[in-house]
C-alpha atoms as a PDB file:
ATOM      1  CA  UNK A   1    -182.389 -82.985 -79.124  1.00  0.00           C
ATOM      2  CA  UNK A   2    -180.794 -79.639 -78.271  1.00  0.00           C
ATOM      3  CA  UNK A   3    -177.918 -80.379 -80.642  1.00  0.00           C
ATOM      4  CA  UNK A   4    -180.316 -81.103 -83.498  1.00  0.00           C
ATOM      5  CA  UNK A   5    -182.198 -77.891 -82.761  1.00  0.00           C
ATOM      6  CA  UNK A   6    -178.985 -75.865 -82.801  1.00  0.00           C
ATOM      7  CA  UNK A   7    -177.897 -77.484 -86.077  1.00  0.00           C
ATOM      8  CA  UNK A   8    -181.304 -76.730 -87.611  1.00  0.00           C
ATOM      9  CA  UNK A   9    -181.125 -73.090 -86.463  1.00  0.00           C
ATOM     10  CA  UNK A  10    -177.607 -72.742 -87.845  1.00  0.00           C
ATOM     11  CA  UNK A  11    -178.619 -74.181 -91.222  1.00  0.00           C
ATOM     12  CA  UNK A  12    -181.660 -71.876 -91.317  1.00  0.00           C
ATOM     13  CA  UNK A  13    -179.425 -68.884 -90.563  1.00  0.00           C
ATOM     14  CA  UNK A  14    -176.811 -69.975 -93.112  1.00  0.00           C
ATOM     15  CA  UNK A  15    -179.465 -70.469 -95.780  1.00  0.00           C
ATOM     16  CA  UNK A  16    -180.632 -66.899 -95.233  1.00  0.00           C
ATOM     17  CA  UNK A  17    -177.095 -65.512 -95.420  1.00  0.00           C
ATOM     18  CA  UNK A  18    -176.388 -67.457 -98.616  1.00  0.00           C
ATOM     19  CA  UNK A  19    -179.667 -66.280-100.138  1.00  0.00           C
ATOM     20  CA  UNK A  20    -178.853 -62.663 -99.371  1.00  0.00           C
ATOM     21  CA  UNK A  21    -175.274 -62.981-100.647  1.00  0.00           C
ATOM     22  CA  UNK A  22    -176.239 -64.686-103.923  1.00  0.00           C
ATOM     23  CA  UNK A  23    -175.106 -62.414-106.734  1.00  0.00           C
ATOM     24  CA  UNK A  24    -175.772 -64.355-109.955  1.00  0.00           C
ATOM     25  CA  UNK A  25    -178.668 -66.402-111.291  1.00  0.00           C
ATOM     26  CA  UNK A  26    -177.462 -69.953-111.930  1.00  0.00           C
ATOM     27  CA  UNK A  27    -180.903 -71.366-112.707  1.00  0.00           C
ATOM     28  CA  UNK A  28    -180.978 -73.666-109.683  1.00  0.00           C
ATOM     29  CA  UNK A  29    -181.893 -73.157-106.021  1.00  0.00           C
ATOM     30  CA  UNK A  30    -178.859 -75.093-104.783  1.00  0.00           C
ATOM     31  CA  UNK A  31    -176.397 -73.474-107.181  1.00  0.00           C
ATOM     32  CA  UNK A  32    -177.685 -70.043-106.192  1.00  0.00           C
ATOM     33  CA  UNK A  33    -177.165 -70.900-102.521  1.00  0.00           C
ATOM     34  CA  UNK A  34    -173.701 -72.237-103.345  1.00  0.00           C
ATOM     35  CA  UNK A  35    -172.971 -68.980-105.161  1.00  0.00           C
ATOM     36  CA  UNK A  36    -173.952 -67.050-102.047  1.00  0.00           C
ATOM     37  CA  UNK A  37    -171.800 -69.299 -99.850  1.00  0.00           C
ATOM     38  CA  UNK A  38    -168.825 -68.764-102.151  1.00  0.00           C
ATOM     39  CA  UNK A  39    -169.266 -64.975-101.994  1.00  0.00           C
ATOM     40  CA  UNK A  40    -169.388 -65.078 -98.197  1.00  0.00           C
ATOM     41  CA  UNK A  41    -166.284 -67.282 -98.168  1.00  0.00           C
ATOM     42  CA  UNK A  42    -164.324 -65.051-100.544  1.00  0.00           C
ATOM     43  CA  UNK A  43    -165.367 -61.663 -99.185  1.00  0.00           C
ATOM     44  CA  UNK A  44    -165.227 -62.472 -95.478  1.00  0.00           C
ATOM     45  CA  UNK A  45    -162.677 -65.240 -95.071  1.00  0.00           C
ATOM     46  CA  UNK A  46    -160.369 -64.282 -97.930  1.00  0.00           C
ATOM     47  CA  UNK A  47    -161.138 -60.547 -97.540  1.00  0.00           C
ATOM     48  CA  UNK A  48    -161.623 -60.208-101.274  1.00  0.00           C
ATOM     49  CA  UNK A  49    -161.299 -56.727-102.719  1.00  0.00           C
ATOM     50  CA  UNK A  50    -162.645 -56.522-106.240  1.00  0.00           C
ATOM     51  CA  UNK A  51    -163.965 -53.974-108.674  1.00  0.00           C
ATOM     52  CA  UNK A  52    -167.272 -54.632-110.446  1.00  0.00           C
ATOM     53  CA  UNK A  53    -166.433 -56.709-113.504  1.00  0.00           C
ATOM     54  CA  UNK A  54    -168.055 -54.922-116.486  1.00  0.00           C
ATOM     55  CA  UNK A  55    -169.821 -57.909-118.006  1.00  0.00           C
ATOM     56  CA  UNK A  56    -172.671 -57.068-120.390  1.00  0.00           C
ATOM     57  CA  UNK A  57    -176.084 -57.516-118.810  1.00  0.00           C
ATOM     58  CA  UNK A  58    -176.883 -60.179-121.385  1.00  0.00           C
ATOM     59  CA  UNK A  59    -175.236 -61.919-124.301  1.00  0.00           C
ATOM     60  CA  UNK A  60    -171.913 -63.696-124.576  1.00  0.00           C
ATOM     61  CA  UNK A  61    -168.614 -62.451-123.184  1.00  0.00           C
ATOM     62  CA  UNK A  62    -165.135 -63.802-122.542  1.00  0.00           C
ATOM     63  CA  UNK A  63    -163.316 -63.397-119.235  1.00  0.00           C
ATOM     64  CA  UNK A  64    -159.606 -64.144-118.810  1.00  0.00           C
ATOM     65  CA  UNK A  65    -157.253 -63.902-115.850  1.00  0.00           C
ATOM     66  CA  UNK A  66    -153.801 -64.763-114.650  1.00  0.00           C
ATOM     67  CA  UNK A  67    -153.729 -68.022-112.707  1.00  0.00           C
ATOM     68  CA  UNK A  68    -151.830 -68.141-109.406  1.00  0.00           C
ATOM     69  CA  UNK A  69    -153.704 -70.710-107.286  1.00  0.00           C
ATOM     70  CA  UNK A  70    -156.593 -73.089-106.898  1.00  0.00           C
ATOM     71  CA  UNK A  71    -158.605 -70.267-105.305  1.00  0.00           C
ATOM     72  CA  UNK A  72    -158.715 -68.214-108.504  1.00  0.00           C
ATOM     73  CA  UNK A  73    -161.989 -69.540-110.004  1.00  0.00           C
ATOM     74  CA  UNK A  74    -163.826 -68.929-106.719  1.00  0.00           C
ATOM     75  CA  UNK A  75    -162.555 -65.350-106.605  1.00  0.00           C
ATOM     76  CA  UNK A  76    -163.609 -64.717-110.194  1.00  0.00           C
ATOM     77  CA  UNK A  77    -167.097 -66.108-109.593  1.00  0.00           C
ATOM     78  CA  UNK A  78    -167.425 -63.968-106.439  1.00  0.00           C
ATOM     79  CA  UNK A  79    -166.475 -60.869-108.464  1.00  0.00           C
ATOM     80  CA  UNK A  80    -169.069 -61.312-111.219  1.00  0.00           C
ATOM     81  CA  UNK A  81    -172.827 -60.816-111.372  1.00  0.00           C
ATOM     82  CA  UNK A  82    -173.329 -63.521-114.003  1.00  0.00           C
ATOM     83  CA  UNK A  83    -172.515 -67.239-113.960  1.00  0.00           C
ATOM     84  CA  UNK A  84    -169.165 -68.205-115.469  1.00  0.00           C
ATOM     85  CA  UNK A  85    -168.461 -71.325-117.509  1.00  0.00           C
ATOM     86  CA  UNK A  86    -164.816 -72.260-117.127  1.00  0.00           C
ATOM     87  CA  UNK A  87    -162.666 -74.128-119.602  1.00  0.00           C
ATOM     88  CA  UNK A  88    -160.597 -76.492-117.482  1.00  0.00           C
ATOM     89  CA  UNK A  89    -158.108 -79.261-118.190  1.00  0.00           C
ATOM     90  CA  UNK A  90    -159.757 -82.664-118.461  1.00  0.00           C
ATOM     91  CA  UNK A  91    -157.529 -84.084-115.716  1.00  0.00           C
ATOM     92  CA  UNK A  92    -158.865 -81.406-113.352  1.00  0.00           C
ATOM     93  CA  UNK A  93    -162.443 -81.989-114.510  1.00  0.00           C
ATOM     94  CA  UNK A  94    -162.087 -85.667-113.639  1.00  0.00           C
ATOM     95  CA  UNK A  95    -160.796 -85.095-110.092  1.00  0.00           C
ATOM     96  CA  UNK A  96    -162.316 -87.632-107.705  1.00  0.00           C
ATOM     97  CA  UNK A  97    -165.429 -86.283-106.013  1.00  0.00           C
ATOM     98  CA  UNK A  98    -165.477 -83.023-107.991  1.00  0.00           C
ATOM     99  CA  UNK A  99    -166.862 -83.985-111.383  1.00  0.00           C
ATOM    100  CA  UNK A 100    -170.497 -83.583-110.259  1.00  0.00           C
ATOM    101  CA  UNK A 101    -169.813 -79.974-109.259  1.00  0.00           C
ATOM    102  CA  UNK A 102    -167.848 -79.111-112.403  1.00  0.00           C
ATOM    103  CA  UNK A 103    -170.673 -80.553-114.496  1.00  0.00           C
ATOM    104  CA  UNK A 104    -173.340 -78.716-112.483  1.00  0.00           C
ATOM    105  CA  UNK A 105    -171.714 -75.298-112.993  1.00  0.00           C
ATOM    106  CA  UNK A 106    -171.135 -75.951-116.689  1.00  0.00           C
ATOM    107  CA  UNK A 107    -167.357 -76.347-116.819  1.00  0.00           C
ATOM    108  CA  UNK A 108    -166.047 -77.382-120.224  1.00  0.00           C
ATOM    109  CA  UNK A 109    -163.260 -80.005-120.080  1.00  0.00           C
ATOM    110  CA  UNK A 110    -160.307 -79.498-122.416  1.00  0.00           C
ATOM    111  CA  UNK A 111    -158.469 -82.573-123.667  1.00  0.00           C
ATOM    112  CA  UNK A 112    -155.199 -80.822-124.486  1.00  0.00           C
ATOM    113  CA  UNK A 113    -153.509 -83.944-125.834  1.00  0.00           C
ATOM    114  CA  UNK A 114    -156.144 -85.355-128.161  1.00  0.00           C
ATOM    115  CA  UNK A 115    -158.991 -82.989-129.058  1.00  0.00           C
ATOM    116  CA  UNK A 116    -158.703 -79.427-127.717  1.00  0.00           C
ATOM    117  CA  UNK A 117    -160.851 -78.199-130.615  1.00  0.00           C
ATOM    118  CA  UNK A 118    -163.864 -79.986-129.140  1.00  0.00           C
ATOM    119  CA  UNK A 119    -163.770 -77.714-126.078  1.00  0.00           C
ATOM    120  CA  UNK A 120    -163.488 -74.614-128.282  1.00  0.00           C
ATOM    121  CA  UNK A 121    -166.546 -75.720-130.262  1.00  0.00           C
ATOM    122  CA  UNK A 122    -168.477 -76.139-127.009  1.00  0.00           C
ATOM    123  CA  UNK A 123    -167.304 -72.692-125.883  1.00  0.00           C
ATOM    124  CA  UNK A 124    -168.392 -71.107-129.202  1.00  0.00           C
ATOM    125  CA  UNK A 125    -171.820 -72.681-128.780  1.00  0.00           C
ATOM    126  CA  UNK A 126    -172.108 -71.383-125.204  1.00  0.00           C
ATOM    127  CA  UNK A 127    -171.099 -67.881-126.326  1.00  0.00           C
ATOM    128  CA  UNK A 128    -173.663 -67.961-129.128  1.00  0.00           C
ATOM    129  CA  UNK A 129    -176.281 -68.874-126.530  1.00  0.00           C
ATOM    130  CA  UNK A 130    -175.361 -65.796-124.494  1.00  0.00           C
ATOM    131  CA  UNK A 131    -173.192 -67.328-121.781  1.00  0.00           C
ATOM    132  CA  UNK A 132    -169.954 -66.045-120.256  1.00  0.00           C
ATOM    133  CA  UNK A 133    -166.856 -68.145-120.866  1.00  0.00           C
ATOM    134  CA  UNK A 134    -163.929 -67.870-118.425  1.00  0.00           C
ATOM    135  CA  UNK A 135    -160.455 -69.242-118.921  1.00  0.00           C
ATOM    136  CA  UNK A 136    -156.836 -68.972-117.848  1.00  0.00           C
ATOM    137  CA  UNK A 137    -154.740 -68.391-120.989  1.00  0.00           C
ATOM    138  CA  UNK A 138    -151.506 -69.502-119.312  1.00  0.00           C
ATOM    139  CA  UNK A 139    -153.015 -72.987-119.251  1.00  0.00           C
ATOM    140  CA  UNK A 140    -151.857 -73.729-115.704  1.00  0.00           C
ATOM    141  CA  UNK A 141    -150.687 -71.929-112.570  1.00  0.00           C
ATOM    142  CA  UNK A 142    -148.164 -69.247-113.478  1.00  0.00           C
ATOM    143  CA  UNK A 143    -146.839 -66.590-111.090  1.00  0.00           C
ATOM    144  CA  UNK A 144    -145.807 -63.093-112.130  1.00  0.00           C
ATOM    145  CA  UNK A 145    -142.337 -63.959-110.814  1.00  0.00           C
ATOM    146  CA  UNK A 146    -142.034 -67.062-113.009  1.00  0.00           C
ATOM    147  CA  UNK A 147    -140.123 -66.975-116.292  1.00  0.00           C
ATOM    148  CA  UNK A 148    -142.358 -65.726-119.128  1.00  0.00           C
ATOM    149  CA  UNK A 149    -144.587 -68.395-120.646  1.00  0.00           C
ATOM    150  CA  UNK A 150    -146.374 -68.046-123.947  1.00  0.00           C
ATOM    151  CA  UNK A 151    -150.122 -68.013-123.428  1.00  0.00           C
ATOM    152  CA  UNK A 152    -152.507 -70.396-125.162  1.00  0.00           C
ATOM    153  CA  UNK A 153    -154.321 -68.989-128.219  1.00  0.00           C
ATOM    154  CA  UNK A 154    -157.805 -70.170-127.207  1.00  0.00           C
ATOM    155  CA  UNK A 155    -159.049 -66.887-125.712  1.00  0.00           C
ATOM    156  CA  UNK A 156    -157.932 -64.863-128.719  1.00  0.00           C
ATOM    157  CA  UNK A 157    -159.516 -67.337-131.109  1.00  0.00           C
ATOM    158  CA  UNK A 158    -162.797 -67.255-129.211  1.00  0.00           C
ATOM    159  CA  UNK A 159    -162.892 -63.457-129.090  1.00  0.00           C
ATOM    160  CA  UNK A 160    -161.977 -63.042-132.760  1.00  0.00           C
ATOM    161  CA  UNK A 161    -164.378 -65.659-134.116  1.00  0.00           C
ATOM    162  CA  UNK A 162    -167.310 -64.770-131.872  1.00  0.00           C
ATOM    163  CA  UNK A 163    -166.698 -60.996-132.187  1.00  0.00           C
ATOM    164  CA  UNK A 164    -167.372 -60.508-128.490  1.00  0.00           C
ATOM    165  CA  UNK A 165    -165.819 -58.339-125.761  1.00  0.00           C
ATOM    166  CA  UNK A 166    -162.889 -59.806-123.856  1.00  0.00           C
ATOM    167  CA  UNK A 167    -162.310 -58.699-120.271  1.00  0.00           C
ATOM    168  CA  UNK A 168    -158.957 -59.314-118.579  1.00  0.00           C
ATOM    169  CA  UNK A 169    -158.569 -59.540-114.795  1.00  0.00           C
ATOM    170  CA  UNK A 170    -155.550 -59.803-112.531  1.00  0.00           C
ATOM    171  CA  UNK A 171    -155.579 -61.748-109.263  1.00  0.00           C
ATOM    172  CA  UNK A 172    -153.164 -61.105-106.389  1.00  0.00           C
ATOM    173  CA  UNK A 173    -152.940 -61.262-102.590  1.00  0.00           C
ATOM    174  CA  UNK A 174    -153.569 -65.008-102.353  1.00  0.00           C
ATOM    175  CA  UNK A 175    -151.839 -67.008 -99.592  1.00  0.00           C
ATOM    176  CA  UNK A 176    -149.431 -69.730-100.786  1.00  0.00           C
ATOM    177  CA  UNK A 177    -149.465 -68.665-104.457  1.00  0.00           C
ATOM    178  CA  UNK A 178    -148.379 -71.366-106.848  1.00  0.00           C
ATOM    179  CA  UNK A 179    -150.320 -74.099-105.037  1.00  0.00           C
ATOM    180  CA  UNK A 180    -153.785 -75.569-105.513  1.00  0.00           C
ATOM    181  CA  UNK A 181    -155.361 -76.493-102.172  1.00  0.00           C
ATOM    182  CA  UNK A 182    -153.511 -74.497 -99.502  1.00  0.00           C
ATOM    183  CA  UNK A 183    -154.603 -71.123-100.954  1.00  0.00           C
ATOM    184  CA  UNK A 184    -158.228 -72.200-100.520  1.00  0.00           C
ATOM    185  CA  UNK A 185    -157.658 -73.099 -96.861  1.00  0.00           C
ATOM    186  CA  UNK A 186    -155.220 -70.372 -95.754  1.00  0.00           C
ATOM    187  CA  UNK A 187    -156.717 -66.941 -95.146  1.00  0.00           C
ATOM    188  CA  UNK A 188    -155.638 -64.262 -97.588  1.00  0.00           C
ATOM    189  CA  UNK A 189    -156.222 -60.667 -98.660  1.00  0.00           C
ATOM    190  CA  UNK A 190    -157.248 -61.431-102.192  1.00  0.00           C
ATOM    191  CA  UNK A 191    -157.527 -58.739-104.847  1.00  0.00           C
ATOM    192  CA  UNK A 192    -159.231 -59.009-108.236  1.00  0.00           C
ATOM    193  CA  UNK A 193    -158.393 -56.046-110.438  1.00  0.00           C
ATOM    194  CA  UNK A 194    -159.732 -55.093-113.851  1.00  0.00           C
ATOM    195  CA  UNK A 195    -156.797 -55.033-116.244  1.00  0.00           C
ATOM    196  CA  UNK A 196    -158.330 -54.326-119.644  1.00  0.00           C
ATOM    197  CA  UNK A 197    -161.413 -54.442-121.820  1.00  0.00           C
ATOM    198  CA  UNK A 198    -160.243 -55.585-125.229  1.00  0.00           C
ATOM    199  CA  UNK A 199    -162.087 -55.144-128.509  1.00  0.00           C
ATOM    200  CA  UNK A 200    -160.638 -57.668-130.901  1.00  0.00           C
ATOM    201  CA  UNK A 201    -163.020 -57.064-133.791  1.00  0.00           C
ATOM    202  CA  UNK A 202    -160.353 -55.490-136.028  1.00  0.00           C
ATOM    203  CA  UNK A 203    -157.301 -57.360-134.746  1.00  0.00           C
ATOM    204  CA  UNK A 204    -155.597 -60.486-135.969  1.00  0.00           C
ATOM    205  CA  UNK A 205    -155.370 -63.485-133.652  1.00  0.00           C
ATOM    206  CA  UNK A 206    -151.677 -62.689-133.076  1.00  0.00           C
ATOM    207  CA  UNK A 207    -152.348 -59.037-132.200  1.00  0.00           C
ATOM    208  CA  UNK A 208    -155.184 -59.992-129.897  1.00  0.00           C
ATOM    209  CA  UNK A 209    -153.089 -62.658-128.210  1.00  0.00           C
ATOM    210  CA  UNK A 210    -150.338 -60.095-127.611  1.00  0.00           C
ATOM    211  CA  UNK A 211    -152.795 -57.685-125.950  1.00  0.00           C
ATOM    212  CA  UNK A 212    -154.093 -60.478-123.718  1.00  0.00           C
ATOM    213  CA  UNK A 213    -150.530 -61.396-122.764  1.00  0.00           C
ATOM    214  CA  UNK A 214    -149.789 -57.767-121.845  1.00  0.00           C
ATOM    215  CA  UNK A 215    -152.967 -57.532-119.758  1.00  0.00           C
ATOM    216  CA  UNK A 216    -152.173 -60.671-117.794  1.00  0.00           C
ATOM    217  CA  UNK A 217    -148.632 -59.728-116.827  1.00  0.00           C
ATOM    218  CA  UNK A 218    -149.889 -57.509-113.985  1.00  0.00           C
ATOM    219  CA  UNK A 219    -148.216 -54.284-115.056  1.00  0.00           C
END
């Protein structure tokens, strides 16, 4: 009986902490609590240092970042005051036990082999409806120390076609960079830094892609 009482008190306390930490409106009680839990996890356990990400208060926007670990999406969500819809590889979207969560937070699966355009069409629709799309233009984990890799053109195409602001971030300070699960578990001193705000309205796709590439290299 005492154990059950202690568990109930802990859950009541945790619910309050998650409620107070919630920083974005996801349209669902449980997703808002999960948002608060993620912010507590990132700011206290991973000691996240981040600048306010200058997302517009409403309307569509595009957020890009370098990609160094499996912790990166959690850090980006914890740094923003609006929900993010990530474009993720279909094989990641279909991970056992995770698909319900990816679907709940609005992730858009990208079938890179067969129909990548389908994901871009979904992203365009989400942007037109005023949502924030987030993606990793390198396409997979890529460290600053790795040989240069050409970024995917999706972010530039989205920004150019939708005529929306593109905000570039840079993530560093993660434990076990280059891996997926260990960076989530191992404590780190994570940093999310604003790299650039890019207006692509008068740029070609190639010029815009080059600016994104420069912003992601961490210099």
